[in-house]
Amino acid sequence: MAGEALTPTSYIQHHLQNLVVMRDSPWALHLDTLATSLLMGLVMVFGFWLATRKATAGVPGKWQAFVEICLEFVDRQAKDTYHGTSKLVTPIAITIFFWILLMNLIKMIPADFIGFPMNAFTEWAAGQMGAAHPHDYAFWKPVPTADVNATLGMSISVFFLMLFFGLRSKGLGGFTKEFLTAPFGKWMLPFNLILNIVEWLSKPISLAMRLFGNMFGGEIVFLLIWVLGGAGIAGAIAGGAFGLGWMLFHLLVIPLQAFIFMMLSIVYLSLSEDAH
């Protein structure tokens, strides 16, 4: 920005920067991640609302039929995986799958179609609000799931749901007893405690890092291909070929990562209710 020529390295680094407000505060916020996540959530709700607004028990419209197929697919996966009695699991699975899917799909939009226009806007807005260094706000990272803060936020939500489901199923006493005595019995309490703490904490961390790692890695490869496309005619041809191949590959990766996150979340909720 600010008229400086970007090298390939600085170009990629620029596109991997989040728009951070209150940067030096413990409450620093990634504004681009929050805004884009909220927008995709609203798009999901609006899309489902459109399907229900003119829903009919007879011959459904095309959009209603598509939404029904998607919801039946998620509902079937949830019922096959979850062995408890809670009616919350299917709505949780639907929310997780479609929200992550929409956030992942932003990756299919070329980097500069969103990045640089939003960079210019955020820099201008920061200047209008009297920021001492408006250039510090000239960032906009479009894909929320390529930000570990977003994936950790979702996985921590799943973690608290696991606690809720476990306590609801076993009660505080039963949950605490199992946490301290399983799997080796009451005489091995310290080892049981350490093992269970590691097991419970590893679940949300692995959920978050798997989604983040795949989407962030894919983002870097897309940017590398985008840079290759600017290296003359040969680079443009190679970049176009590689970019098309990587995009087609990500047509599988994008829904697959949403599906994996959803399925593992349901498995963890089911396990939290099972007796050891």
Protein backbone atom coordinates (compact mmCIF):
# COMPACT_ATOMS: atom_id res chain seq x y z
CA MET A 1 0.00 0.00 0.00
CA ALA A 2 0.92 3.69 0.09
CA GLY A 3 2.36 3.48 -3.43
CA GLU A 4 5.12 1.01 -2.56
CA ALA A 5 5.88 -1.76 -5.03
CA LEU A 6 5.20 -5.18 -3.56
CA THR A 7 7.73 -7.98 -3.98
CA PRO A 8 6.40 -11.57 -4.14
CA THR A 9 7.37 -12.08 -0.50
CA SER A 10 5.78 -8.87 0.75
CA TYR A 11 2.70 -9.54 -1.40
CA ILE A 12 2.13 -12.91 0.26
CA GLN A 13 2.91 -11.56 3.74
CA HIS A 14 0.48 -8.70 3.18
CA HIS A 15 -2.35 -11.07 2.23
CA LEU A 16 -1.74 -13.23 5.29
CA GLN A 17 -2.10 -10.28 7.72
CA ASN A 18 -5.32 -9.77 9.64
CA LEU A 19 -6.90 -6.40 10.32
CA VAL A 20 -6.21 -6.12 14.05
CA VAL A 21 -7.80 -3.49 16.25
CA MET A 22 -6.53 -2.78 19.77
CA ARG A 23 -3.32 -4.47 18.63
CA ASP A 24 -1.37 -3.78 21.84
CA SER A 25 -4.24 -4.77 24.11
CA PRO A 26 -4.99 -8.19 25.64
CA TRP A 27 -8.38 -7.78 23.92
CA ALA A 28 -6.97 -7.44 20.40
CA LEU A 29 -9.61 -8.32 17.79
CA HIS A 30 -9.22 -9.62 14.24
CA LEU A 31 -11.89 -7.42 12.75
CA ASP A 32 -11.83 -9.02 9.29
CA THR A 33 -12.34 -12.51 10.74
CA LEU A 34 -15.22 -11.34 12.92
CA ALA A 35 -16.93 -9.38 10.14
CA THR A 36 -16.62 -12.10 7.50
CA SER A 37 -17.72 -14.85 9.90
CA LEU A 38 -20.78 -12.84 10.89
CA LEU A 39 -21.58 -12.10 7.25
CA MET A 40 -21.38 -15.79 6.28
CA GLY A 41 -23.56 -16.69 9.26
CA LEU A 42 -26.18 -14.20 8.10
CA VAL A 43 -25.96 -15.56 4.54
CA MET A 44 -26.59 -19.07 5.89
CA VAL A 45 -29.61 -17.97 7.93
CA PHE A 46 -30.99 -15.93 5.03
CA GLY A 47 -30.58 -18.85 2.61
CA PHE A 48 -32.47 -21.20 4.93
CA TRP A 49 -35.13 -18.55 5.53
CA LEU A 50 -35.70 -18.21 1.77
CA ALA A 51 -36.27 -21.97 1.58
CA THR A 52 -38.83 -21.93 4.40
CA ARG A 53 -40.61 -18.73 3.36
CA LYS A 54 -42.49 -20.46 0.54
CA ALA A 55 -42.08 -24.05 1.71
CA THR A 56 -44.73 -26.43 0.49
CA ALA A 57 -45.58 -30.02 1.33
CA GLY A 58 -46.28 -30.63 -2.37
CA VAL A 59 -43.79 -30.28 -5.19
CA PRO A 60 -40.97 -28.15 -3.76
CA GLY A 61 -39.18 -25.38 -5.60
CA LYS A 62 -35.59 -25.84 -6.70
CA TRP A 63 -34.07 -23.98 -3.76
CA GLN A 64 -36.34 -25.70 -1.23
CA ALA A 65 -35.47 -29.09 -2.72
CA PHE A 66 -31.73 -28.33 -2.57
CA VAL A 67 -31.93 -27.16 1.06
CA GLU A 68 -33.99 -30.20 2.03
CA ILE A 69 -31.42 -32.55 0.45
CA CYS A 70 -28.59 -30.81 2.34
CA LEU A 71 -30.45 -30.86 5.65
CA GLU A 72 -31.47 -34.50 5.27
CA PHE A 73 -27.85 -35.41 4.57
CA VAL A 74 -26.60 -33.69 7.73
CA ASP A 75 -29.52 -35.03 9.78
CA ARG A 76 -28.78 -38.60 8.66
CA GLN A 77 -25.08 -38.26 9.53
CA ALA A 78 -25.93 -36.84 12.96
CA LYS A 79 -28.43 -39.59 13.79
CA ASP A 80 -26.06 -42.34 12.64
CA THR A 81 -23.19 -40.97 14.73
CA TYR A 82 -24.85 -39.65 17.90
CA HIS A 83 -26.28 -42.30 20.23
CA GLY A 84 -27.86 -40.08 22.85
CA THR A 85 -31.30 -38.52 23.15
CA SER A 86 -30.64 -34.79 22.80
CA LYS A 87 -32.56 -32.96 20.07
CA LEU A 88 -29.87 -30.27 19.91
CA VAL A 89 -27.35 -32.37 18.00
CA THR A 90 -28.86 -32.02 14.51
CA PRO A 91 -29.20 -28.20 14.75
CA ILE A 92 -25.62 -28.03 16.06
CA ALA A 93 -24.39 -30.21 13.17
CA ILE A 94 -26.30 -28.13 10.60
CA THR A 95 -24.89 -24.88 11.99
CA ILE A 96 -21.30 -26.19 12.09
CA PHE A 97 -21.31 -27.74 8.62
CA PHE A 98 -22.93 -24.96 6.62
CA TRP A 99 -21.26 -22.10 8.46
CA ILE A 100 -17.78 -23.57 7.98
CA LEU A 101 -18.62 -24.49 4.38
CA LEU A 102 -19.57 -20.90 3.54
CA MET A 103 -16.49 -19.49 5.27
CA ASN A 104 -14.27 -21.96 3.40
CA LEU A 105 -15.89 -21.09 0.06
CA ILE A 106 -14.52 -17.55 0.24
CA LYS A 107 -11.18 -19.13 -0.66
CA MET A 108 -12.50 -19.65 -4.21
CA ILE A 109 -12.56 -15.86 -4.76
CA PRO A 110 -9.18 -14.61 -6.11
CA ALA A 111 -7.11 -12.88 -3.44
CA ASP A 112 -7.13 -9.33 -4.81
CA PHE A 113 -10.87 -9.29 -5.60
CA ILE A 114 -11.48 -8.76 -1.90
CA GLY A 115 -8.09 -8.04 -0.36
CA PHE A 116 -6.84 -4.83 -1.92
CA PRO A 117 -10.26 -3.06 -2.20
CA MET A 118 -10.88 -3.77 1.49
CA ASN A 119 -7.31 -2.72 2.34
CA ALA A 120 -7.91 0.66 0.74
CA PHE A 121 -11.27 1.01 2.50
CA THR A 122 -9.95 0.12 5.96
CA GLU A 123 -6.98 2.48 5.57
CA TRP A 124 -9.32 5.30 4.52
CA ALA A 125 -11.73 4.54 7.39
CA ALA A 126 -8.88 4.51 9.92
CA GLY A 127 -7.72 7.89 8.62
CA GLN A 128 -11.23 9.31 8.94
CA MET A 129 -11.37 8.15 12.55
CA GLY A 130 -8.11 9.92 13.33
CA ALA A 131 -5.78 6.93 13.57
CA ALA A 132 -2.14 7.97 13.96
CA HIS A 133 -0.99 5.38 11.40
CA PRO A 134 -3.85 4.52 9.01
CA HIS A 135 -1.50 2.29 7.02
CA ASP A 136 -1.50 -0.16 9.95
CA TYR A 137 -5.16 -0.87 9.12
CA ALA A 138 -4.59 -1.61 5.42
CA PHE A 139 -5.21 -5.34 5.77
CA TRP A 140 -8.15 -7.64 5.13
CA LYS A 141 -7.76 -11.41 5.26
CA PRO A 142 -10.95 -12.75 3.66
CA VAL A 143 -11.01 -16.43 4.76
CA PRO A 144 -11.99 -16.70 8.47
CA THR A 145 -11.04 -20.38 8.77
CA ALA A 146 -7.47 -19.52 7.76
CA ASP A 147 -7.27 -17.64 11.09
CA VAL A 148 -6.54 -19.89 14.06
CA ASN A 149 -8.54 -17.57 16.32
CA ALA A 150 -11.74 -18.42 14.42
CA THR A 151 -11.15 -22.17 14.38
CA LEU A 152 -10.20 -22.17 18.08
CA GLY A 153 -13.31 -20.16 18.87
CA MET A 154 -15.51 -22.77 17.19
CA SER A 155 -13.67 -25.72 18.75
CA ILE A 156 -13.85 -24.17 22.24
CA SER A 157 -17.61 -23.82 21.72
CA VAL A 158 -17.72 -27.55 20.94
CA PHE A 159 -15.66 -28.18 24.10
CA PHE A 160 -18.21 -26.39 26.28
CA LEU A 161 -21.00 -28.33 24.56
CA MET A 162 -19.12 -31.54 25.43
CA LEU A 163 -19.07 -30.48 29.09
CA PHE A 164 -22.77 -29.61 28.95
CA PHE A 165 -23.72 -32.94 27.36
CA GLY A 166 -21.55 -34.90 29.80
CA LEU A 167 -22.93 -33.13 32.88
CA ARG A 168 -26.51 -33.41 31.59
CA SER A 169 -26.13 -37.14 31.03
CA LYS A 170 -24.15 -38.17 34.14
CA GLY A 171 -24.73 -35.39 36.62
CA LEU A 172 -21.95 -33.55 38.40
CA GLY A 173 -21.18 -36.44 40.73
CA GLY A 174 -21.09 -39.10 38.03
CA PHE A 175 -19.06 -36.92 35.69
CA THR A 176 -16.50 -36.11 38.39
CA LYS A 177 -16.25 -39.73 39.54
CA GLU A 178 -15.64 -40.99 36.00
CA PHE A 179 -13.13 -38.21 35.34
CA LEU A 180 -11.10 -39.24 38.39
CA THR A 181 -11.44 -43.04 38.31
CA ALA A 182 -11.51 -44.00 34.61
CA PRO A 183 -9.82 -45.82 33.02
CA PHE A 184 -7.47 -47.34 35.65
CA GLY A 185 -9.62 -47.27 38.78
CA LYS A 186 -9.61 -45.14 41.92
CA TRP A 187 -6.15 -46.25 43.05
CA MET A 188 -4.59 -44.61 39.99
CA LEU A 189 -6.37 -41.28 40.45
CA PRO A 190 -3.40 -38.98 39.56
CA PHE A 191 -2.78 -40.86 36.31
CA ASN A 192 -6.49 -40.89 35.48
CA LEU A 193 -6.69 -37.14 36.07
CA ILE A 194 -3.69 -36.38 33.85
CA LEU A 195 -4.90 -38.72 31.10
CA ASN A 196 -8.43 -37.31 31.07
CA ILE A 197 -7.25 -33.69 31.09
CA VAL A 198 -5.00 -34.41 28.10
CA GLU A 199 -7.80 -36.27 26.32
CA TRP A 200 -10.39 -33.52 26.81
CA LEU A 201 -8.05 -30.67 25.90
CA SER A 202 -6.64 -32.44 22.85
CA LYS A 203 -10.07 -32.70 21.24
CA PRO A 204 -10.77 -28.96 20.71
CA ILE A 205 -7.12 -28.26 19.90
CA SER A 206 -7.00 -30.96 17.22
CA LEU A 207 -10.35 -29.78 15.81
CA ALA A 208 -9.09 -26.21 15.50
CA MET A 209 -5.62 -26.98 14.16
CA ARG A 210 -6.85 -29.46 11.53
CA LEU A 211 -9.23 -26.97 9.95
CA PHE A 212 -6.81 -24.04 10.31
CA GLY A 213 -3.83 -25.97 8.94
CA ASN A 214 -5.65 -27.13 5.83
CA MET A 215 -7.19 -23.75 5.01
CA PHE A 216 -4.09 -21.68 5.85
CA GLY A 217 -1.87 -24.01 3.82
CA GLY A 218 -4.26 -23.82 0.90
CA GLU A 219 -4.26 -20.03 1.16
CA ILE A 220 -0.46 -19.91 0.91
CA VAL A 221 -0.46 -22.17 -2.16
CA PHE A 222 -3.12 -20.02 -3.85
CA LEU A 223 -1.02 -16.91 -3.21
CA LEU A 224 2.12 -18.60 -4.55
CA ILE A 225 0.25 -19.54 -7.73
CA TRP A 226 -1.14 -15.99 -7.97
CA VAL A 227 2.42 -14.61 -7.77
CA LEU A 228 3.60 -17.11 -10.40
CA GLY A 229 0.90 -15.82 -12.75
CA GLY A 230 2.55 -12.39 -12.75
CA ALA A 231 5.93 -13.67 -13.99
CA GLY A 232 5.53 -13.08 -17.71
CA ILE A 233 3.57 -15.04 -20.32
CA ALA A 234 5.04 -18.42 -19.34
CA GLY A 235 4.29 -17.69 -15.68
CA ALA A 236 0.75 -16.66 -16.52
CA ILE A 237 0.13 -19.92 -18.42
CA ALA A 238 1.70 -22.01 -15.66
CA GLY A 239 -0.14 -20.03 -12.97
CA GLY A 240 -3.43 -20.51 -14.79
CA ALA A 241 -2.91 -24.26 -15.13
CA PHE A 242 -1.75 -24.73 -11.53
CA GLY A 243 -4.44 -22.39 -10.25
CA LEU A 244 -7.19 -24.32 -12.04
CA GLY A 245 -5.87 -27.64 -10.74
CA TRP A 246 -5.55 -26.35 -7.18
CA MET A 247 -9.03 -24.81 -7.35
CA LEU A 248 -10.55 -28.09 -8.53
CA PHE A 249 -8.74 -29.89 -5.72
CA HIS A 250 -10.13 -27.40 -3.21
CA LEU A 251 -13.64 -28.07 -4.44
CA LEU A 252 -13.15 -31.34 -2.56
CA VAL A 253 -11.12 -29.96 0.35
CA ILE A 254 -13.57 -27.17 1.23
CA PRO A 255 -16.66 -29.35 1.91
CA LEU A 256 -14.49 -32.17 3.27
CA GLN A 257 -13.00 -29.98 6.02
CA ALA A 258 -16.47 -28.73 7.00
CA PHE A 259 -17.72 -32.34 7.06
CA ILE A 260 -14.79 -33.56 9.17
CA PHE A 261 -15.23 -30.76 11.72
CA MET A 262 -18.96 -31.52 11.95
CA MET A 263 -18.53 -35.29 12.26
CA LEU A 264 -15.79 -35.08 14.89
CA SER A 265 -17.89 -32.61 16.88
CA ILE A 266 -20.82 -35.05 16.88
CA VAL A 267 -18.52 -37.95 17.84
CA TYR A 268 -17.11 -35.93 20.75
CA LEU A 269 -20.61 -35.00 21.95
CA SER A 270 -21.64 -38.65 21.79
CA LEU A 271 -18.51 -39.81 23.63
CA SER A 272 -19.02 -37.24 26.37
CA GLU A 273 -22.33 -38.93 27.25
CA ASP A 274 -21.05 -42.52 27.07
CA ALA A 275 -19.93 -44.32 30.18
CA HIS A 276 -16.25 -45.23 30.10
